[in-house]
Protein backbone atom coordinates (compact mmCIF):
# COMPACT_ATOMS: atom_id res chain seq x y z
CA UNK A 1 -69.47 -81.24 -86.11
CA UNK A 2 -72.62 -81.90 -84.11
CA UNK A 3 -71.39 -85.46 -83.28
CA UNK A 4 -68.12 -84.01 -81.91
CA UNK A 5 -70.07 -81.58 -79.74
CA UNK A 6 -72.32 -84.35 -78.42
CA UNK A 7 -69.33 -86.61 -77.83
CA UNK A 8 -67.47 -83.83 -75.99
CA UNK A 9 -70.52 -83.13 -73.85
CA UNK A 10 -70.85 -86.84 -73.04
CA UNK A 11 -67.17 -87.08 -72.00
CA UNK A 12 -67.41 -83.97 -69.85
CA UNK A 13 -70.60 -85.28 -68.26
CA UNK A 14 -68.98 -88.67 -67.60
CA UNK A 15 -65.89 -87.04 -66.06
CA UNK A 16 -68.09 -84.92 -63.79
CA UNK A 17 -69.99 -88.03 -62.66
CA UNK A 18 -66.75 -89.90 -61.90
CA UNK A 19 -65.38 -86.90 -60.00
CA UNK A 20 -68.59 -86.60 -58.00
CA UNK A 21 -68.31 -90.27 -57.03
CA UNK A 22 -64.68 -89.94 -55.92
CA UNK A 23 -64.22 -90.21 -52.14
CA UNK A 24 -63.64 -86.87 -50.50
CA UNK A 25 -61.71 -88.27 -47.57
CA UNK A 26 -58.83 -90.73 -47.63
CA UNK A 27 -59.26 -93.37 -44.92
CA UNK A 28 -56.60 -93.37 -42.21
CA UNK A 29 -54.77 -96.48 -41.13
CA UNK A 30 -55.89 -97.70 -37.74
CA UNK A 31 -53.86 -100.03 -35.56
CA UNK A 32 -55.55 -103.34 -34.80
CA UNK A 33 -53.25 -104.88 -32.21
CA UNK A 34 -51.06 -103.52 -29.46
CA UNK A 35 -47.31 -103.10 -29.83
CA UNK A 36 -46.84 -106.19 -27.66
CA UNK A 37 -49.14 -108.22 -29.92
CA UNK A 38 -47.36 -106.95 -33.02
CA UNK A 39 -44.01 -108.00 -31.56
CA UNK A 40 -45.08 -111.39 -30.20
CA UNK A 41 -47.39 -112.48 -33.02
CA UNK A 42 -45.70 -110.93 -36.04
CA UNK A 43 -42.13 -109.71 -35.62
CA UNK A 44 -40.78 -112.30 -33.17
CA UNK A 45 -41.79 -115.36 -35.24
CA UNK A 46 -40.51 -113.89 -38.52
CA UNK A 47 -37.20 -112.84 -36.98
CA UNK A 48 -36.76 -116.34 -35.52
CA UNK A 49 -37.03 -117.79 -39.02
CA UNK A 50 -33.98 -115.71 -39.96
CA UNK A 51 -32.11 -116.33 -36.68
CA UNK A 52 -32.49 -120.11 -37.01
CA UNK A 53 -32.24 -120.38 -40.79
CA UNK A 54 -29.32 -122.80 -40.57
CA UNK A 55 -31.25 -125.48 -38.66
CA UNK A 56 -32.32 -127.06 -41.93
CA UNK A 57 -29.74 -126.70 -44.65
CA UNK A 58 -31.64 -128.91 -47.12
CA UNK A 59 -34.45 -126.52 -47.94
CA UNK A 60 -37.25 -127.55 -50.28
CA UNK A 61 -38.87 -125.12 -52.68
CA UNK A 62 -41.64 -124.67 -50.12
CA UNK A 63 -39.05 -124.04 -47.41
CA UNK A 64 -37.41 -121.31 -49.48
CA UNK A 65 -40.79 -119.75 -50.27
CA UNK A 66 -41.73 -119.76 -46.58
CA UNK A 67 -38.40 -118.20 -45.69
CA UNK A 68 -38.84 -115.57 -48.39
CA UNK A 69 -42.32 -114.74 -47.04
CA UNK A 70 -41.01 -114.44 -43.49
CA UNK A 71 -38.16 -112.19 -44.57
CA UNK A 72 -40.59 -109.98 -46.48
CA UNK A 73 -42.85 -109.75 -43.43
CA UNK A 74 -39.87 -108.85 -41.27
CA UNK A 75 -38.89 -106.02 -43.60
CA UNK A 76 -42.47 -104.77 -43.90
CA UNK A 77 -42.90 -104.88 -40.13
CA UNK A 78 -40.32 -102.10 -39.94
CA UNK A 79 -42.61 -100.00 -42.14
CA UNK A 80 -45.43 -100.66 -39.69
CA UNK A 81 -43.18 -99.58 -36.81
CA UNK A 82 -42.40 -96.34 -38.68
CA UNK A 83 -46.07 -95.54 -39.30
CA UNK A 84 -47.37 -92.45 -37.49
CA UNK A 85 -49.61 -94.39 -35.09
CA UNK A 86 -46.74 -96.69 -34.05
CA UNK A 87 -43.70 -94.39 -33.93
CA UNK A 88 -42.75 -93.14 -30.47
CA UNK A 89 -40.63 -90.36 -31.88
CA UNK A 90 -39.23 -89.28 -35.20
CA UNK A 91 -35.60 -89.60 -34.24
CA UNK A 92 -34.23 -92.65 -32.44
CA UNK A 93 -37.31 -94.84 -33.01
CA UNK A 94 -37.07 -94.28 -36.75
CA UNK A 95 -33.35 -95.13 -36.76
CA UNK A 96 -34.03 -98.33 -34.83
CA UNK A 97 -36.88 -99.34 -37.15
CA UNK A 98 -34.66 -98.57 -40.15
CA UNK A 99 -32.10 -101.10 -38.82
CA UNK A 100 -34.84 -103.73 -38.84
CA UNK A 101 -35.91 -102.69 -42.34
CA UNK A 102 -32.31 -102.93 -43.58
CA UNK A 103 -31.74 -106.44 -42.26
CA UNK A 104 -35.21 -107.61 -43.31
CA UNK A 105 -34.65 -106.26 -46.80
CA UNK A 106 -31.32 -108.07 -47.04
CA UNK A 107 -32.88 -111.28 -45.75
CA UNK A 108 -35.62 -111.02 -48.37
CA UNK A 109 -33.08 -110.57 -51.18
CA UNK A 110 -30.95 -113.46 -49.92
CA UNK A 111 -33.98 -115.73 -49.51
CA UNK A 112 -35.07 -114.93 -53.07
CA UNK A 113 -31.57 -115.86 -54.22
CA UNK A 114 -31.61 -118.99 -52.01
CA UNK A 115 -28.31 -117.86 -50.48
CA UNK A 116 -28.15 -119.71 -47.17
CA UNK A 117 -24.63 -118.55 -46.16
CA UNK A 118 -25.62 -114.90 -46.69
CA UNK A 119 -28.76 -115.41 -44.60
CA UNK A 120 -26.77 -117.03 -41.80
CA UNK A 121 -24.33 -114.11 -41.90
CA UNK A 122 -27.20 -111.71 -41.08
CA UNK A 123 -27.59 -113.14 -37.58
CA UNK A 124 -25.44 -110.53 -35.81
CA UNK A 125 -27.03 -107.66 -37.73
CA UNK A 126 -30.54 -108.86 -36.90
CA UNK A 127 -29.59 -109.39 -33.27
CA UNK A 128 -28.26 -105.84 -33.05
CA UNK A 129 -31.37 -104.37 -34.69
CA UNK A 130 -33.58 -106.11 -32.13
CA UNK A 131 -31.36 -105.45 -29.11
CA UNK A 132 -30.73 -101.76 -29.78
CA UNK A 133 -34.46 -101.06 -29.97
CA UNK A 134 -35.40 -103.21 -26.99
CA UNK A 135 -32.77 -101.58 -24.76
CA UNK A 136 -34.31 -98.15 -25.42
CA UNK A 137 -38.00 -98.90 -25.75
CA UNK A 138 -38.82 -102.10 -23.85
CA UNK A 139 -39.12 -101.36 -20.12
CA UNK A 140 -37.01 -103.62 -17.91
CA UNK A 141 -35.08 -105.12 -20.85
CA UNK A 142 -31.39 -105.82 -20.35
CA UNK A 143 -28.94 -106.51 -23.16
CA UNK A 144 -27.44 -109.99 -23.09
CA UNK A 145 -23.69 -110.09 -23.43
């Protein structure tokens, strides 16, 4: 009985120590680059990998892995755009970013499946996701016909 009491006391004491060591404040995400840098250095190159996927139809395993990584980054970039410090508003901006997430998610699934025709078929959808956002949020941008 005494061993159970000592063991219980030790567990309670250990739990209290762990709780006392727990952080009291959750760190907030902080943007590192500007929106322009995010677009030019991150989103633009990954979207180009999807836009021009058909340039090399004889993909190696490394080529497919690179394509899969780029598609994943494209999809995850939409999550970054929807983060509180990046979102311009909670209405149209979120809908536009969701279009990018949708096409990036599809591209990721198709790249994992090594489905080149399905990836090539995403071109119009990706173009529309980019264009619709740029028309609204990129000053001086004009839609190409």
